[in-house]
Structures are given as structure tokens and as C-alpha cells.
Protein backbone atom coordinates (compact mmCIF):
# COMPACT_ATOMS: atom_id res chain seq x y z
CA MET A 1 173.05 30.68 173.58
CA LYS A 2 169.55 32.05 173.15
CA LYS A 3 167.10 30.59 170.70
CA LEU A 4 165.13 33.17 168.62
CA GLN A 5 161.44 32.54 168.26
CA GLN A 6 159.96 32.90 164.81
CA GLY A 7 156.35 33.28 163.70
CA PHE A 8 153.28 35.07 164.95
CA THR A 9 151.53 34.72 168.24
CA LEU A 10 147.93 33.64 168.48
CA VAL A 11 146.87 37.11 169.62
CA GLU A 12 148.46 38.75 166.58
CA ILE A 13 146.72 36.35 164.20
CA MET A 14 143.37 36.89 165.96
CA ILE A 15 143.74 40.67 165.63
CA VAL A 16 144.44 40.38 161.90
CA VAL A 17 141.43 38.08 161.41
CA ALA A 18 139.21 40.49 163.37
CA ILE A 19 140.32 43.44 161.25
CA ILE A 20 139.68 41.52 158.02
CA GLY A 21 136.24 40.48 159.29
CA LEU A 22 135.38 44.07 160.18
CA LEU A 23 136.43 45.33 156.76
CA ALA A 24 134.38 42.59 155.07
CA ALA A 25 131.35 43.44 157.22
CA ILE A 26 131.55 47.02 155.97
CA ALA A 27 132.38 46.29 152.32
CA ILE A 28 129.94 43.49 151.44
CA PRO A 29 126.66 45.37 152.13
CA ASN A 30 127.99 48.39 150.20
CA PHE A 31 128.90 46.13 147.28
CA VAL A 32 125.43 44.54 147.25
CA LYS A 33 123.74 47.94 147.39
CA SER A 34 125.84 49.35 144.55
CA ARG A 35 125.12 46.26 142.44
CA GLU A 36 121.36 46.64 142.95
CA THR A 37 121.56 50.35 142.13
CA SER A 38 123.47 49.70 138.91
CA GLN A 39 120.97 47.01 137.87
CA LYS A 40 118.09 49.40 138.55
CA ASN A 41 119.73 52.17 136.52
CA ALA A 42 120.49 49.81 133.63
CA CYS A 43 116.89 48.59 133.66
CA ILE A 44 115.53 52.16 133.59
CA THR A 45 117.87 52.96 130.70
CA ASN A 46 116.53 49.93 128.80
CA LEU A 47 112.95 51.06 129.48
CA ARG A 48 113.77 54.52 128.11
CA LEU A 49 115.36 52.98 125.02
CA LEU A 50 112.29 50.87 124.29
CA ASP A 51 109.91 53.74 124.95
CA SER A 52 111.90 56.04 122.65
CA ALA A 53 111.95 53.40 119.90
CA ARG A 54 108.19 52.94 120.18
CA GLU A 55 107.54 56.68 120.09
CA GLN A 56 109.82 57.15 117.09
CA TYR A 57 108.06 54.32 115.26
CA LEU A 58 104.63 55.79 116.00
CA MET A 59 105.74 59.31 114.96
CA GLU A 60 107.14 58.09 111.65
CA ARG A 61 103.99 56.10 110.94
CA ALA A 62 101.27 58.51 111.95
CA GLY A 63 98.51 56.06 111.03
CA ALA A 64 99.97 53.21 113.08
CA VAL A 65 97.80 52.02 115.91
CA VAL A 66 100.17 49.75 117.78
CA ALA A 67 103.87 48.90 117.70
CA THR A 68 104.93 45.27 117.85
CA LYS A 69 108.30 43.82 118.74
CA LEU A 70 108.87 42.88 115.10
CA LEU A 71 108.04 46.41 113.90
CA LEU A 72 110.40 47.95 116.45
CA ALA A 73 113.32 45.78 115.26
CA ASP A 74 114.55 48.62 113.02
CA TYR A 75 114.78 50.94 116.02
CA VAL A 76 116.18 48.48 118.57
CA LYS A 77 118.94 46.33 117.13
CA SER A 78 118.97 43.83 119.96
CA TRP A 79 116.03 43.52 122.32
CA PRO A 80 117.35 44.24 125.83
CA LYS A 81 116.89 42.07 128.88
CA CYS A 82 116.52 43.11 132.49
CA PRO A 83 119.93 42.89 134.16
CA LYS A 84 118.35 41.59 137.37
CA ASN A 85 116.71 38.39 136.10
CA LYS A 86 117.71 38.29 132.40
CA ALA A 87 114.07 38.27 131.25
CA GLU A 88 113.05 40.10 128.07
CA TYR A 89 110.86 43.17 128.24
CA ALA A 90 107.35 42.71 126.91
CA LEU A 91 105.44 45.26 124.90
CA PRO A 92 102.60 46.90 126.80
CA ALA A 93 99.07 46.08 125.74
CA THR A 94 98.38 49.62 124.51
CA ASP A 95 100.58 52.40 123.24
CA ALA A 96 99.44 54.61 126.11
CA ALA A 97 100.85 52.15 128.65
CA ALA A 98 104.50 52.31 129.66
CA PHE A 99 107.01 49.52 129.38
CA VAL A 100 107.49 47.64 132.63
CA CYS A 101 110.35 45.64 134.01
CA PRO A 102 109.88 41.85 133.85
CA ALA A 103 111.44 41.56 137.31
CA ALA A 104 108.93 41.72 140.11
CA ASP A 105 110.58 44.86 141.44
CA ALA A 106 108.58 48.05 141.78
CA ALA A 107 111.78 50.14 141.80
CA HIS A 108 112.44 49.47 138.10
CA VAL A 109 110.03 51.98 136.57
CA LEU A 110 110.38 54.99 134.34
CA PRO A 111 110.44 58.17 136.40
């Protein structure tokens, strides 16, 4: 009477582990890159929102010299934060200057 062997051989298990490792090596860098791209795009969208709110405020109040965060509260219901480091955006010193990202990343700028 023959005895049937059950289970996987070591070679089969090693092949499966190698395939999973290869797939992870391909997928993880792509995931990181797509996450950084989405954070950058969200940050640029926030910068556009703040810039539009400031411009609308200054257009409606032709005599206004500068827009403050408190004055822009009617145009921006909740002040956004950078998705990369969760820091709030600061108003630029002058109205001619553009909003900048609080993250130390040069890629997060208005085009």
C-alpha cells in the first residue's frame, strides 16, 4: 500500500515567495509615487482656492489694501492644510505675492 504525500515542497513555496516579492517590488514604488502626485495636486488645488478667495475679496472691496485670514473667512469656509505635512497655509506678505505651500517642497507651487 502506497502512502500519498500531502503538502507543498520547499521549491514550490520558494517560487511563490519569489513571485510575491517581485510583485511587491514593482507595486510599492508605484504606490509611493502616486501618493506623492496626489498630495501635490491636492496642495496646488488648495493654493488655487486660496488665491481665488483673495482675488474675489480684493475685487469686491476695491479700496482694500491687503486680505487677512479673518477677512477671507467668508470666502473660504475652512482653511485648508497641506496634505503632505498637515500645516496651514500662511497668507503672503503682499497681495502681489502668491500663496506658498508650508511644506518645504518646491514642487507644490501654482503653475
